[in-house]
Amino acid sequence: MKTDARYIIVIEKHAIFQRLAEDRFFNQIPSILITAKGYPDLATRFLLHRMSTAFPNLPILALVDWNPAGLAIISTYKYGSIGMGLEAYRYACNVRWLGVRGDDLQLIPVESMAPLKPKDLQIAKSLISLKILPDDYQQELSRMTQSGQKAEIEALYYHGYGFLGQYLAKKIVQANYI
């Protein structure tokens, strides 16, 4: 396999994936865009693992909502699925968190923030109990739970539909991912 891409970007939401594809974001930042339309299924994790093996020098970046479910999605790509037992790590990849993160909240209007729901808090508690998250991810999760707020990727459209691509390009060029 060959590629001119310099990044692989895993996108939580299909609508965001479609928007970036329509905007031809992959021409602005040479990248391969992938989505599992929410929580990663086995086929998407397998594909991502194969790509990471074929292109070991391409960073894999994740674009997810700033909420416990978004962090759970990254964790599934990064560490595998708990439901798979001993096979959990089989398709794990070194995924890095591109956004949305706490340092991006200044770009999101307060009225676009939403309160965490009991399900969000349950996911956060589950992630904490696993004790697998690196410190910077733990800090993000703590910030979410302490603020009681969450933010969706779509909130960045407040600045116009073209802003999402600009936001991502800037973060990627500055290597602003964890």
C-alpha atoms as a PDB file:
ATOM      1  CA  MET A   1       0.000   0.000   0.000  1.00  0.00           C
ATOM      2  CA  LYS A   2       1.055   3.569  -0.681  1.00  0.00           C
ATOM      3  CA  THR A   3      -0.316   6.914   0.453  1.00  0.00           C
ATOM      4  CA  ASP A   4       0.520  10.592   0.245  1.00  0.00           C
ATOM      5  CA  ALA A   5      -1.330  11.173   3.512  1.00  0.00           C
ATOM      6  CA  ARG A   6       0.535  12.498   6.512  1.00  0.00           C
ATOM      7  CA  TYR A   7      -2.200  11.776   9.069  1.00  0.00           C
ATOM      8  CA  ILE A   8      -5.085   9.430   9.723  1.00  0.00           C
ATOM      9  CA  ILE A   9      -8.039  11.217  11.298  1.00  0.00           C
ATOM     10  CA  VAL A  10     -10.728   9.198  13.058  1.00  0.00           C
ATOM     11  CA  ILE A  11     -13.958  11.174  13.332  1.00  0.00           C
ATOM     12  CA  GLU A  12     -16.685  10.313  15.831  1.00  0.00           C
ATOM     13  CA  LYS A  13     -19.642  11.535  13.795  1.00  0.00           C
ATOM     14  CA  HIS A  14     -20.653  10.683  10.254  1.00  0.00           C
ATOM     15  CA  ALA A  15     -22.071  14.177   9.591  1.00  0.00           C
ATOM     16  CA  ILE A  16     -18.721  15.754  10.554  1.00  0.00           C
ATOM     17  CA  PHE A  17     -16.913  13.177   8.403  1.00  0.00           C
ATOM     18  CA  GLN A  18     -19.176  14.048   5.447  1.00  0.00           C
ATOM     19  CA  ARG A  19     -18.624  17.775   5.951  1.00  0.00           C
ATOM     20  CA  LEU A  20     -14.833  17.379   5.983  1.00  0.00           C
ATOM     21  CA  ALA A  21     -14.989  15.098   2.933  1.00  0.00           C
ATOM     22  CA  GLU A  22     -17.210  17.569   1.035  1.00  0.00           C
ATOM     23  CA  ASP A  23     -14.813  20.382   1.971  1.00  0.00           C
ATOM     24  CA  ARG A  24     -11.966  18.168   0.719  1.00  0.00           C
ATOM     25  CA  PHE A  25     -10.090  18.670   3.970  1.00  0.00           C
ATOM     26  CA  PHE A  26      -7.747  15.861   2.927  1.00  0.00           C
ATOM     27  CA  ASN A  27      -6.339  18.215   0.250  1.00  0.00           C
ATOM     28  CA  GLN A  28      -5.637  20.944   2.801  1.00  0.00           C
ATOM     29  CA  ILE A  29      -3.983  18.525   5.234  1.00  0.00           C
ATOM     30  CA  PRO A  30      -2.976  15.312   3.420  1.00  0.00           C
ATOM     31  CA  SER A  31      -4.952  12.826   5.469  1.00  0.00           C
ATOM     32  CA  ILE A  32      -7.093   9.732   5.471  1.00  0.00           C
ATOM     33  CA  LEU A  33     -10.509  10.334   7.057  1.00  0.00           C
ATOM     34  CA  ILE A  34     -12.284   7.468   8.829  1.00  0.00           C
ATOM     35  CA  THR A  35     -15.492   7.238  10.841  1.00  0.00           C
ATOM     36  CA  ALA A  36     -17.259   4.442  12.678  1.00  0.00           C
ATOM     37  CA  LYS A  37     -20.363   6.619  13.137  1.00  0.00           C
ATOM     38  CA  GLY A  38     -20.023   6.675  16.926  1.00  0.00           C
ATOM     39  CA  TYR A  39     -18.534   3.919  19.045  1.00  0.00           C
ATOM     40  CA  PRO A  40     -15.971   2.009  16.994  1.00  0.00           C
ATOM     41  CA  ASP A  41     -17.072  -1.321  15.627  1.00  0.00           C
ATOM     42  CA  LEU A  42     -14.669  -4.201  15.100  1.00  0.00           C
ATOM     43  CA  ALA A  43     -14.408  -3.625  11.333  1.00  0.00           C
ATOM     44  CA  THR A  44     -13.345   0.007  11.784  1.00  0.00           C
ATOM     45  CA  ARG A  45     -10.846  -0.909  14.487  1.00  0.00           C
ATOM     46  CA  PHE A  46      -9.449  -3.667  12.272  1.00  0.00           C
ATOM     47  CA  LEU A  47      -9.111  -1.255   9.325  1.00  0.00           C
ATOM     48  CA  LEU A  48      -7.417   1.361  11.500  1.00  0.00           C
ATOM     49  CA  HIS A  49      -5.054  -1.254  12.925  1.00  0.00           C
ATOM     50  CA  ARG A  50      -4.143  -2.462   9.421  1.00  0.00           C
ATOM     51  CA  MET A  51      -3.507   1.100   8.308  1.00  0.00           C
ATOM     52  CA  SER A  52      -1.361   1.807  11.368  1.00  0.00           C
ATOM     53  CA  THR A  53       0.671  -1.312  10.578  1.00  0.00           C
ATOM     54  CA  ALA A  54       0.998  -0.418   6.883  1.00  0.00           C
ATOM     55  CA  PHE A  55       1.850   3.226   7.649  1.00  0.00           C
ATOM     56  CA  PRO A  56       3.556   3.206  11.068  1.00  0.00           C
ATOM     57  CA  ASN A  57       4.803   6.797  10.707  1.00  0.00           C
ATOM     58  CA  LEU A  58       1.340   8.317  10.205  1.00  0.00           C
ATOM     59  CA  PRO A  59      -0.071   9.807  13.408  1.00  0.00           C
ATOM     60  CA  ILE A  60      -3.638   8.690  14.114  1.00  0.00           C
ATOM     61  CA  LEU A  61      -5.692  11.599  15.440  1.00  0.00           C
ATOM     62  CA  ALA A  62      -9.199  11.483  16.907  1.00  0.00           C
ATOM     63  CA  LEU A  63     -11.889  14.151  16.584  1.00  0.00           C
ATOM     64  CA  VAL A  64     -14.643  13.516  19.132  1.00  0.00           C
ATOM     65  CA  ASP A  65     -17.130  15.448  21.237  1.00  0.00           C
ATOM     66  CA  TRP A  66     -15.819  16.853  24.523  1.00  0.00           C
ATOM     67  CA  ASN A  67     -17.722  14.480  26.776  1.00  0.00           C
ATOM     68  CA  PRO A  68     -17.093  11.155  28.532  1.00  0.00           C
ATOM     69  CA  ALA A  69     -18.461   9.207  25.542  1.00  0.00           C
ATOM     70  CA  GLY A  70     -15.934  10.914  23.257  1.00  0.00           C
ATOM     71  CA  LEU A  71     -13.149   9.902  25.602  1.00  0.00           C
ATOM     72  CA  ALA A  72     -14.555   6.352  25.741  1.00  0.00           C
ATOM     73  CA  ILE A  73     -14.407   6.227  21.929  1.00  0.00           C
ATOM     74  CA  ILE A  74     -10.745   7.265  21.938  1.00  0.00           C
ATOM     75  CA  SER A  75     -10.039   4.710  24.676  1.00  0.00           C
ATOM     76  CA  THR A  76     -11.626   1.931  22.623  1.00  0.00           C
ATOM     77  CA  TYR A  77      -9.373   2.731  19.662  1.00  0.00           C
ATOM     78  CA  LYS A  78      -6.338   3.168  21.904  1.00  0.00           C
ATOM     79  CA  TYR A  79      -6.755   0.262  24.339  1.00  0.00           C
ATOM     80  CA  GLY A  80      -9.370  -2.005  22.809  1.00  0.00           C
ATOM     81  CA  SER A  81     -12.828  -3.063  23.899  1.00  0.00           C
ATOM     82  CA  ILE A  82     -13.447  -4.422  27.376  1.00  0.00           C
ATOM     83  CA  GLY A  83     -16.121  -6.707  25.941  1.00  0.00           C
ATOM     84  CA  MET A  84     -13.497  -8.593  23.938  1.00  0.00           C
ATOM     85  CA  GLY A  85     -11.732  -9.904  27.049  1.00  0.00           C
ATOM     86  CA  LEU A  86      -8.282 -11.264  26.236  1.00  0.00           C
ATOM     87  CA  GLU A  87      -8.622 -10.049  22.640  1.00  0.00           C
ATOM     88  CA  ALA A  88      -9.154  -6.437  23.781  1.00  0.00           C
ATOM     89  CA  TYR A  89      -5.772  -5.150  22.646  1.00  0.00           C
ATOM     90  CA  ARG A  90      -5.679  -7.041  19.366  1.00  0.00           C
ATOM     91  CA  TYR A  91      -6.651  -4.039  17.228  1.00  0.00           C
ATOM     92  CA  ALA A  92      -5.489  -1.259  19.549  1.00  0.00           C
ATOM     93  CA  CYS A  93      -3.691   1.696  17.923  1.00  0.00           C
ATOM     94  CA  ASN A  94      -1.756   4.675  19.193  1.00  0.00           C
ATOM     95  CA  VAL A  95      -4.551   7.205  18.751  1.00  0.00           C
ATOM     96  CA  ARG A  96      -3.995  10.786  19.876  1.00  0.00           C
ATOM     97  CA  TRP A  97      -6.723  13.186  20.937  1.00  0.00           C
ATOM     98  CA  LEU A  98      -6.943  16.069  18.469  1.00  0.00           C
ATOM     99  CA  GLY A  99     -10.177  17.624  19.694  1.00  0.00           C
ATOM    100  CA  VAL A 100     -12.519  18.742  20.974  1.00  0.00           C
ATOM    101  CA  ARG A 101     -10.568  19.278  24.203  1.00  0.00           C
ATOM    102  CA  GLY A 102     -10.811  21.592  27.183  1.00  0.00           C
ATOM    103  CA  ASP A 103      -8.432  24.131  25.666  1.00  0.00           C
ATOM    104  CA  ASP A 104     -10.871  24.464  22.734  1.00  0.00           C
ATOM    105  CA  LEU A 105     -13.826  25.497  24.899  1.00  0.00           C
ATOM    106  CA  GLN A 106     -12.991  29.191  24.470  1.00  0.00           C
ATOM    107  CA  LEU A 107     -14.089  28.729  20.836  1.00  0.00           C
ATOM    108  CA  ILE A 108     -17.488  27.369  21.839  1.00  0.00           C
ATOM    109  CA  PRO A 109     -20.288  29.721  22.911  1.00  0.00           C
ATOM    110  CA  VAL A 110     -21.537  29.114  26.441  1.00  0.00           C
ATOM    111  CA  GLU A 111     -25.075  28.607  25.128  1.00  0.00           C
ATOM    112  CA  SER A 112     -23.815  25.687  23.013  1.00  0.00           C
ATOM    113  CA  MET A 113     -22.548  23.828  26.066  1.00  0.00           C
ATOM    114  CA  ALA A 114     -24.872  21.198  27.527  1.00  0.00           C
ATOM    115  CA  PRO A 115     -25.067  19.734  31.021  1.00  0.00           C
ATOM    116  CA  LEU A 116     -23.676  16.258  31.601  1.00  0.00           C
ATOM    117  CA  LYS A 117     -26.446  13.686  31.962  1.00  0.00           C
ATOM    118  CA  PRO A 118     -26.454  10.738  34.381  1.00  0.00           C
ATOM    119  CA  LYS A 119     -25.333   8.462  31.502  1.00  0.00           C
ATOM    120  CA  ASP A 120     -22.314  10.751  30.913  1.00  0.00           C
ATOM    121  CA  LEU A 121     -21.383  10.570  34.587  1.00  0.00           C
ATOM    122  CA  GLN A 122     -21.755   6.782  34.506  1.00  0.00           C
ATOM    123  CA  ILE A 123     -19.343   6.586  31.547  1.00  0.00           C
ATOM    124  CA  ALA A 124     -16.905   8.905  33.346  1.00  0.00           C
ATOM    125  CA  LYS A 125     -17.028   6.739  36.464  1.00  0.00           C
ATOM    126  CA  SER A 126     -16.405   3.634  34.365  1.00  0.00           C
ATOM    127  CA  LEU A 127     -13.396   5.236  32.646  1.00  0.00           C
ATOM    128  CA  ILE A 128     -11.931   6.281  35.985  1.00  0.00           C
ATOM    129  CA  SER A 129     -12.372   2.783  37.416  1.00  0.00           C
ATOM    130  CA  LEU A 130     -10.424   1.221  34.525  1.00  0.00           C
ATOM    131  CA  LYS A 131      -7.280   3.124  35.533  1.00  0.00           C
ATOM    132  CA  ILE A 132      -5.901   3.051  31.993  1.00  0.00           C
ATOM    133  CA  LEU A 133      -6.144   6.723  31.068  1.00  0.00           C
ATOM    134  CA  PRO A 134      -2.932   8.751  30.868  1.00  0.00           C
ATOM    135  CA  ASP A 135      -2.692  11.816  33.115  1.00  0.00           C
ATOM    136  CA  ASP A 136      -3.650  14.353  30.442  1.00  0.00           C
ATOM    137  CA  TYR A 137      -6.781  12.345  29.600  1.00  0.00           C
ATOM    138  CA  GLN A 138      -7.614  12.054  33.314  1.00  0.00           C
ATOM    139  CA  GLN A 139      -7.304  15.838  33.609  1.00  0.00           C
ATOM    140  CA  GLU A 140      -9.693  16.336  30.695  1.00  0.00           C
ATOM    141  CA  LEU A 141     -12.187  13.931  32.257  1.00  0.00           C
ATOM    142  CA  SER A 142     -11.899  15.708  35.617  1.00  0.00           C
ATOM    143  CA  ARG A 143     -12.490  19.046  33.923  1.00  0.00           C
ATOM    144  CA  MET A 144     -15.632  17.651  32.288  1.00  0.00           C
ATOM    145  CA  THR A 145     -17.068  16.217  35.484  1.00  0.00           C
ATOM    146  CA  GLN A 146     -16.140  19.230  37.624  1.00  0.00           C
ATOM    147  CA  SER A 147     -17.693  21.663  35.146  1.00  0.00           C
ATOM    148  CA  GLY A 148     -20.736  19.435  34.670  1.00  0.00           C
ATOM    149  CA  GLN A 149     -20.668  20.464  31.006  1.00  0.00           C
ATOM    150  CA  LYS A 150     -20.065  18.881  27.614  1.00  0.00           C
ATOM    151  CA  ALA A 151     -19.558  20.243  24.104  1.00  0.00           C
ATOM    152  CA  GLU A 152     -20.221  18.791  20.679  1.00  0.00           C
ATOM    153  CA  ILE A 153     -18.004  19.199  17.627  1.00  0.00           C
ATOM    154  CA  GLU A 154     -20.880  20.934  15.821  1.00  0.00           C
ATOM    155  CA  ALA A 155     -20.651  23.860  18.258  1.00  0.00           C
ATOM    156  CA  LEU A 156     -17.595  24.989  16.287  1.00  0.00           C
ATOM    157  CA  TYR A 157     -19.952  25.819  13.384  1.00  0.00           C
ATOM    158  CA  TYR A 158     -20.868  28.917  15.395  1.00  0.00           C
ATOM    159  CA  HIS A 159     -17.898  30.513  13.607  1.00  0.00           C
ATOM    160  CA  GLY A 160     -19.129  29.398  10.155  1.00  0.00           C
ATOM    161  CA  TYR A 161     -19.089  26.093   8.302  1.00  0.00           C
ATOM    162  CA  GLY A 162     -15.547  26.607   7.021  1.00  0.00           C
ATOM    163  CA  PHE A 163     -14.194  27.085  10.535  1.00  0.00           C
ATOM    164  CA  LEU A 164     -14.000  23.382  11.373  1.00  0.00           C
ATOM    165  CA  GLY A 165     -11.385  22.752   8.679  1.00  0.00           C
ATOM    166  CA  GLN A 166      -9.383  25.806   9.777  1.00  0.00           C
ATOM    167  CA  TYR A 167      -9.568  24.702  13.410  1.00  0.00           C
ATOM    168  CA  LEU A 168      -8.348  21.192  12.586  1.00  0.00           C
ATOM    169  CA  ALA A 169      -5.590  22.377  10.248  1.00  0.00           C
ATOM    170  CA  LYS A 170      -4.229  24.761  12.879  1.00  0.00           C
ATOM    171  CA  LYS A 171      -4.255  22.101  15.591  1.00  0.00           C
ATOM    172  CA  ILE A 172      -2.553  19.570  13.320  1.00  0.00           C
ATOM    173  CA  VAL A 173       0.138  21.972  12.069  1.00  0.00           C
ATOM    174  CA  GLN A 174       0.867  23.023  15.665  1.00  0.00           C
ATOM    175  CA  ALA A 175       0.873  19.349  16.760  1.00  0.00           C
ATOM    176  CA  ASN A 176      -1.761  20.332  19.327  1.00  0.00           C
ATOM    177  CA  TYR A 177      -2.908  16.828  20.227  1.00  0.00           C
ATOM    178  CA  ILE A 178      -2.362  14.555  23.208  1.00  0.00           C
END
